[in-house]
Protein backbone atom coordinates (compact mmCIF):
# COMPACT_ATOMS: atom_id res chain seq x y z
CA UNK A 1 50.20 -14.67 10.59
CA UNK A 2 50.94 -13.99 6.94
CA UNK A 3 52.08 -10.43 6.26
CA UNK A 4 49.73 -8.36 4.12
CA UNK A 5 51.34 -7.18 0.89
CA UNK A 6 50.33 -4.99 -2.02
CA UNK A 7 50.12 -6.57 -5.46
CA UNK A 8 53.13 -8.43 -6.78
CA UNK A 9 56.03 -8.29 -4.35
CA UNK A 10 57.53 -4.82 -4.23
CA UNK A 11 55.17 -3.37 -6.85
CA UNK A 12 53.42 -0.95 -4.46
CA UNK A 13 50.18 -1.46 -6.39
CA UNK A 14 46.83 -2.62 -5.08
CA UNK A 15 46.51 -6.37 -5.72
CA UNK A 16 44.37 -7.43 -8.67
CA UNK A 17 42.28 -10.54 -9.21
CA UNK A 18 45.09 -12.00 -11.34
CA UNK A 19 47.49 -11.62 -8.39
CA UNK A 20 45.14 -13.64 -6.19
CA UNK A 21 44.85 -16.29 -8.91
CA UNK A 22 48.65 -16.56 -9.18
CA UNK A 23 49.11 -16.76 -5.40
CA UNK A 24 46.44 -19.46 -5.05
CA UNK A 25 47.52 -21.39 -8.13
CA UNK A 26 44.09 -21.23 -9.78
CA UNK A 27 42.51 -19.51 -12.75
CA UNK A 28 41.12 -15.99 -12.50
CA UNK A 29 37.65 -17.46 -13.21
CA UNK A 30 37.93 -19.59 -10.06
CA UNK A 31 38.82 -16.50 -8.00
CA UNK A 32 35.86 -14.68 -9.56
CA UNK A 33 33.51 -17.52 -8.57
CA UNK A 34 34.75 -17.40 -4.98
CA UNK A 35 34.48 -13.60 -4.75
CA UNK A 36 30.98 -13.51 -6.25
CA UNK A 37 29.72 -16.61 -4.45
CA UNK A 38 28.73 -18.22 -7.73
CA UNK A 39 29.54 -21.50 -9.39
CA UNK A 40 30.86 -24.71 -7.87
CA UNK A 41 34.31 -24.51 -6.24
CA UNK A 42 35.83 -27.32 -4.17
CA UNK A 43 36.14 -26.51 -0.47
CA UNK A 44 39.95 -26.83 -0.38
CA UNK A 45 40.28 -24.60 -3.46
CA UNK A 46 37.94 -22.00 -1.98
CA UNK A 47 39.99 -21.97 1.23
CA UNK A 48 43.22 -21.49 -0.74
CA UNK A 49 41.70 -18.55 -2.62
CA UNK A 50 40.40 -16.95 0.59
CA UNK A 51 43.84 -17.29 2.20
CA UNK A 52 45.44 -15.59 -0.81
CA UNK A 53 42.85 -12.78 -0.64
CA UNK A 54 43.67 -12.21 3.02
CA UNK A 55 47.43 -12.37 2.48
CA UNK A 56 47.38 -9.90 -0.40
CA UNK A 57 44.72 -7.62 1.07
CA UNK A 58 42.71 -7.92 -2.13
CA UNK A 59 39.51 -5.87 -2.27
CA UNK A 60 37.06 -6.69 -5.08
CA UNK A 61 36.19 -3.87 -7.43
CA UNK A 62 32.46 -3.45 -6.90
CA UNK A 63 31.93 -1.77 -10.28
CA UNK A 64 33.68 -4.55 -12.15
CA UNK A 65 31.85 -7.15 -10.11
CA UNK A 66 28.57 -5.46 -10.94
CA UNK A 67 29.35 -5.54 -14.64
CA UNK A 68 30.20 -9.23 -14.41
CA UNK A 69 27.19 -10.30 -12.40
CA UNK A 70 24.60 -7.72 -13.46
CA UNK A 71 24.13 -6.87 -9.76
CA UNK A 72 25.75 -3.84 -8.14
CA UNK A 73 24.57 -4.84 -4.64
CA UNK A 74 24.16 -1.15 -3.96
CA UNK A 75 21.03 0.61 -2.77
CA UNK A 76 20.32 4.28 -3.23
CA UNK A 77 18.80 6.45 -0.52
CA UNK A 78 17.28 9.87 -1.00
CA UNK A 79 17.29 11.63 2.37
CA UNK A 80 16.34 15.03 3.65
CA UNK A 81 19.36 17.12 4.61
CA UNK A 82 18.41 17.08 8.29
CA UNK A 83 19.85 16.33 11.71
CA UNK A 84 16.41 15.63 13.18
CA UNK A 85 16.32 12.41 15.16
CA UNK A 86 13.64 10.59 13.16
CA UNK A 87 15.04 10.93 9.61
CA UNK A 88 18.64 10.43 10.79
CA UNK A 89 17.75 7.30 12.78
CA UNK A 90 15.72 5.92 9.87
CA UNK A 91 18.80 6.20 7.68
CA UNK A 92 20.92 4.49 10.36
CA UNK A 93 18.49 1.57 10.61
CA UNK A 94 18.39 1.17 6.84
CA UNK A 95 22.18 1.21 6.52
CA UNK A 96 22.43 -1.47 9.21
CA UNK A 97 19.97 -3.73 7.43
CA UNK A 98 21.68 -3.27 4.06
CA UNK A 99 25.15 -3.93 5.48
CA UNK A 100 23.98 -7.11 7.20
CA UNK A 101 22.73 -8.35 3.83
CA UNK A 102 25.95 -7.46 2.01
CA UNK A 103 24.67 -4.32 0.30
CA UNK A 104 26.38 -0.96 0.08
CA UNK A 105 24.35 2.24 0.41
CA UNK A 106 24.74 5.36 -1.71
CA UNK A 107 23.10 8.42 -0.14
CA UNK A 108 21.92 11.54 -1.94
CA UNK A 109 20.64 14.41 0.19
CA UNK A 110 18.07 17.01 -0.78
CA UNK A 111 17.57 20.29 1.10
CA UNK A 112 13.94 20.78 0.12
CA UNK A 113 11.11 18.27 -0.48
CA UNK A 114 10.45 19.47 -4.03
CA UNK A 115 9.69 17.48 -7.17
CA UNK A 116 12.71 18.85 -9.06
CA UNK A 117 15.16 17.96 -6.28
CA UNK A 118 13.70 14.48 -5.76
CA UNK A 119 13.81 13.75 -9.50
CA UNK A 120 17.39 15.01 -9.75
CA UNK A 121 18.45 12.84 -6.81
CA UNK A 122 16.83 9.76 -8.36
CA UNK A 123 18.58 10.47 -11.66
CA UNK A 124 21.97 10.62 -9.91
CA UNK A 125 21.35 7.30 -8.20
CA UNK A 126 20.22 5.65 -11.45
CA UNK A 127 23.49 6.80 -12.99
CA UNK A 128 25.37 4.97 -10.24
CA UNK A 129 23.66 1.71 -11.16
CA UNK A 130 21.85 1.16 -7.87
CA UNK A 131 19.51 -1.83 -7.74
CA UNK A 132 16.76 0.00 -5.88
CA UNK A 133 16.01 3.24 -4.03
CA UNK A 134 14.57 4.14 -0.64
CA UNK A 135 13.21 7.67 -0.25
CA UNK A 136 13.02 8.87 3.35
CA UNK A 137 9.98 11.09 2.96
CA UNK A 138 8.79 12.73 6.20
CA UNK A 139 7.28 15.65 4.30
CA UNK A 140 3.90 15.44 2.60
CA UNK A 141 5.42 17.34 -0.33
CA UNK A 142 7.98 14.56 -0.86
CA UNK A 143 5.26 11.93 -1.05
CA UNK A 144 3.38 14.03 -3.60
CA UNK A 145 6.56 14.40 -5.67
CA UNK A 146 6.93 10.61 -5.85
CA UNK A 147 3.60 10.21 -7.64
CA UNK A 148 5.14 11.31 -10.94
CA UNK A 149 8.57 9.70 -10.83
CA UNK A 150 9.30 6.91 -13.34
CA UNK A 151 9.13 3.40 -11.86
CA UNK A 152 12.07 2.02 -13.86
CA UNK A 153 14.01 1.37 -10.63
CA UNK A 154 12.41 -0.44 -7.65
CA UNK A 155 11.39 2.19 -5.11
CA UNK A 156 10.10 2.23 -1.51
CA UNK A 157 9.30 5.31 0.55
CA UNK A 158 9.56 5.65 4.33
CA UNK A 159 6.41 7.68 4.89
CA UNK A 160 3.33 7.49 7.09
CA UNK A 161 0.77 7.61 4.30
CA UNK A 162 -2.03 5.37 3.07
CA UNK A 163 -3.16 4.79 -0.49
CA UNK A 164 0.24 5.68 -1.96
CA UNK A 165 1.12 4.60 -5.50
CA UNK A 166 4.62 3.85 -4.16
CA UNK A 167 5.13 1.08 -1.56
CA UNK A 168 5.70 2.61 1.88
CA UNK A 169 7.12 1.56 5.22
CA UNK A 170 6.46 3.39 8.48
CA UNK A 171 6.24 3.36 12.24
CA UNK A 172 2.63 3.49 13.50
CA UNK A 173 2.74 7.12 14.65
CA UNK A 174 -1.01 7.41 15.08
CA UNK A 175 -1.24 4.39 17.37
CA UNK A 176 1.80 5.58 19.31
CA UNK A 177 0.05 8.90 19.92
CA UNK A 178 -3.08 7.06 21.02
CA UNK A 179 -1.03 5.08 23.54
CA UNK A 180 0.55 8.26 24.92
CA UNK A 181 -2.79 10.03 25.26
CA UNK A 182 -4.56 7.02 26.76
CA UNK A 183 -1.78 6.71 29.32
CA UNK A 184 -2.45 10.26 30.52
CA UNK A 185 -6.21 9.73 30.71
CA UNK A 186 -5.64 6.50 32.64
CA UNK A 187 -3.86 8.55 35.30
CA UNK A 188 -7.11 10.40 35.95
CA UNK A 189 -6.79 13.55 33.87
CA UNK A 190 -10.00 15.08 32.52
CA UNK A 191 -8.34 16.07 29.26
CA UNK A 192 -4.93 16.19 27.57
CA UNK A 193 -3.35 19.15 25.80
CA UNK A 194 -1.26 18.68 22.66
CA UNK A 195 1.80 20.43 21.28
CA UNK A 196 2.03 19.30 17.65
CA UNK A 197 4.84 19.34 15.12
CA UNK A 198 4.86 21.62 12.06
CA UNK A 199 2.35 21.51 9.23
CA UNK A 200 3.38 19.46 6.20
CA UNK A 201 4.97 16.54 8.08
CA UNK A 202 3.41 13.07 8.03
CA UNK A 203 4.48 12.38 11.60
CA UNK A 204 2.99 15.62 12.87
CA UNK A 205 -0.34 14.92 11.20
CA UNK A 206 -0.52 11.29 12.36
CA UNK A 207 0.43 12.03 15.97
CA UNK A 208 -2.12 14.83 16.17
CA UNK A 209 -4.76 12.50 14.70
CA UNK A 210 -3.98 9.86 17.35
CA UNK A 211 -4.38 12.44 20.11
CA UNK A 212 -7.71 13.59 18.64
CA UNK A 213 -8.93 9.97 18.39
CA UNK A 214 -8.56 9.45 22.13
CA UNK A 215 -9.85 12.85 23.24
CA UNK A 216 -12.97 12.31 21.10
CA UNK A 217 -13.47 8.73 22.29
CA UNK A 218 -13.24 9.93 25.90
CA UNK A 219 -15.71 12.73 25.28
CA UNK A 220 -13.18 15.14 26.78
CA UNK A 221 -12.75 18.84 26.09
CA UNK A 222 -10.54 19.40 23.03
CA UNK A 223 -8.41 22.51 23.43
CA UNK A 224 -6.71 24.22 20.45
CA UNK A 225 -3.45 22.60 19.38
CA UNK A 226 -0.23 24.50 19.96
CA UNK A 227 2.37 23.97 17.26
CA UNK A 228 6.16 23.89 17.24
CA UNK A 229 8.90 23.14 14.72
CA UNK A 230 10.38 20.07 16.46
CA UNK A 231 13.00 22.17 18.29
CA UNK A 232 13.42 22.58 22.08
CA UNK A 233 13.03 26.34 21.66
CA UNK A 234 9.60 25.97 20.07
CA UNK A 235 8.59 23.62 22.89
CA UNK A 236 9.82 26.15 25.42
CA UNK A 237 7.64 28.88 23.88
CA UNK A 238 4.64 26.54 23.75
CA UNK A 239 5.23 25.62 27.40
CA UNK A 240 5.05 29.27 28.43
CA UNK A 241 1.91 29.69 26.35
CA UNK A 242 0.30 26.84 28.30
CA UNK A 243 1.39 28.45 31.56
CA UNK A 244 -0.51 31.61 30.64
CA UNK A 245 -3.65 29.69 29.59
CA UNK A 246 -6.63 30.68 31.79
CA UNK A 247 -7.78 27.03 31.88
CA UNK A 248 -5.82 24.66 34.12
CA UNK A 249 -3.32 22.33 32.43
CA UNK A 250 -2.79 18.93 34.01
CA UNK A 251 -1.44 16.72 31.17
CA UNK A 252 0.44 17.45 27.93
CA UNK A 253 1.28 15.16 25.02
CA UNK A 254 4.16 16.67 23.04
CA UNK A 255 4.80 15.47 19.48
CA UNK A 256 8.53 14.87 19.98
CA UNK A 257 11.07 14.65 22.78
CA UNK A 258 13.04 17.73 21.77
CA UNK A 259 10.00 19.96 22.11
CA UNK A 260 9.15 18.19 25.37
CA UNK A 261 12.59 19.21 26.67
CA UNK A 262 11.68 22.84 26.03
CA UNK A 263 8.32 22.37 27.78
CA UNK A 264 10.05 20.91 30.85
CA UNK A 265 12.41 23.90 30.93
CA UNK A 266 9.54 26.39 30.79
CA UNK A 267 7.64 24.59 33.56
CA UNK A 268 10.75 24.43 35.72
CA UNK A 269 11.41 28.16 35.35
CA UNK A 270 7.81 28.88 36.36
CA UNK A 271 8.06 26.66 39.44
CA UNK A 272 5.61 24.13 38.01
CA UNK A 273 6.51 20.59 39.07
CA UNK A 274 6.47 17.63 36.70
CA UNK A 275 4.76 15.29 37.51
CA UNK A 276 3.30 16.85 40.70
CA UNK A 277 1.52 19.72 38.90
CA UNK A 278 1.57 18.62 35.25
CA UNK A 279 2.36 15.32 33.56
CA UNK A 280 4.22 15.30 30.24
CA UNK A 281 4.69 12.66 27.50
CA UNK A 282 6.92 12.99 24.45
CA UNK A 283 7.51 10.93 21.30
CA UNK A 284 10.67 9.33 19.80
CA UNK A 285 12.59 8.09 22.86
CA UNK A 286 15.78 9.89 21.91
CA UNK A 287 18.81 8.60 23.88
CA UNK A 288 18.79 11.69 26.12
CA UNK A 289 15.13 11.42 27.14
CA UNK A 290 15.92 9.03 30.00
CA UNK A 291 18.18 11.76 31.45
CA UNK A 292 15.78 14.71 31.23
CA UNK A 293 14.71 16.23 34.54
CA UNK A 294 12.52 14.38 35.23
CA UNK A 295 13.16 11.39 32.92
CA UNK A 296 10.61 11.58 30.13
CA UNK A 297 7.75 9.20 29.45
CA UNK A 298 7.73 8.84 25.67
CA UNK A 299 6.90 6.67 22.66
CA UNK A 300 9.72 4.59 21.22
CA UNK A 301 10.27 4.05 17.50
CA UNK A 302 12.21 0.90 16.62
CA UNK A 303 14.41 2.20 13.82
CA UNK A 304 16.38 -1.05 13.49
CA UNK A 305 13.12 -2.92 12.82
CA UNK A 306 12.01 -0.16 10.44
CA UNK A 307 15.29 -0.45 8.53
CA UNK A 308 14.99 -4.23 8.21
CA UNK A 309 11.36 -3.98 7.15
CA UNK A 310 12.07 -1.31 4.54
CA UNK A 311 15.09 -3.16 3.17
CA UNK A 312 13.12 -6.41 2.93
CA UNK A 313 10.30 -4.65 1.15
CA UNK A 314 12.71 -3.15 -1.38
CA UNK A 315 14.61 -6.42 -1.84
CA UNK A 316 11.36 -8.18 -2.73
CA UNK A 317 10.76 -5.60 -5.44
CA UNK A 318 14.33 -5.90 -6.74
CA UNK A 319 13.97 -9.67 -7.03
CA UNK A 320 10.57 -9.43 -8.71
CA UNK A 321 8.67 -10.85 -5.76
CA UNK A 322 5.38 -9.61 -4.37
CA UNK A 323 5.97 -6.71 -1.98
CA UNK A 324 3.43 -5.32 0.46
CA UNK A 325 2.14 -1.88 -0.45
CA UNK A 326 2.31 -0.68 3.16
CA UNK A 327 4.18 -2.17 6.11
CA UNK A 328 3.97 -0.86 9.68
CA UNK A 329 6.26 -1.15 12.73
CA UNK A 330 4.44 -0.84 16.10
CA UNK A 331 5.31 2.00 18.48
CA UNK A 332 5.98 1.33 22.17
CA UNK A 333 5.08 3.45 25.19
CA UNK A 334 8.02 3.90 27.59
CA UNK A 335 6.86 5.05 31.03
CA UNK A 336 9.22 7.16 33.16
CA UNK A 337 9.01 9.72 35.96
CA UNK A 338 7.43 12.58 33.98
CA UNK A 339 4.09 10.74 34.37
CA UNK A 340 4.89 9.15 37.70
CA UNK A 341 2.83 9.32 40.90
CA UNK A 342 2.37 12.72 42.49
CA UNK A 343 3.73 13.44 45.93
CA UNK A 344 1.02 13.83 48.57
């Protein structure tokens, strides 16, 4: 195998395009055509250039390549500064899709879903010459802030909204919640309680709406919603609140798996068996949910599919093609022991 070197022999510098040209015995324009995938280059010449690139360890300068081609092949992402599973996994799926298509991703985080912060983040990304921007917008305030931003750069938001002026991509949270609630009714429960996420989140609103759809369609009693902040601690507190409810609780749909973990802990401490006494369903299908005690029935979001869908939607806008105003990835019910059969 050829030994990797740096620049001209003994120079200690990173190799330049001219070094590759000299090593391959071609012009720098031929190397540029090979690197950028443009123009017509004979197969044997292309192979010689690629061998020289590998030998020298040449890495194309993306800024210079962008100036030459007019394409930076870089996408910008505005993301909430959050470790929550949904937003973080959305970003992971998007990065995967971009990388597979040969795009780099530049991420700018905001710590509050405010118009000023969103606008500032978009300005920073414009300054980097990104070709398009994805805004991961789980908050309703973020979606409102996007109404007034200039549309000089192609933009797509990951947000569960309808009628948006900005193209959006989302998982079908409302249908996922319907599936979870229907599953509990199908097991024979007269009604289903709900522990919702915080106000101001698209996912919280949509999942609560899906639960209400099914309860109303079944003509079942609709009890007041308990509300958490997505954390296990808030689910734990809500679980104890249900335990002190004077009306019997037989089935609970919890708006995310982390809160469901807290609910399971509260029930366990009170000696309430899941699923013998109460059945519980979560939402997200975090990697740990299969190892809860008991393993949690939940609703899976396909973040890889969401990333591909969002990237494709943005790429259509970048290339001037027709892009759908709203695209939706289906949610999938994953049945585990927390809604399993009860022991006789």
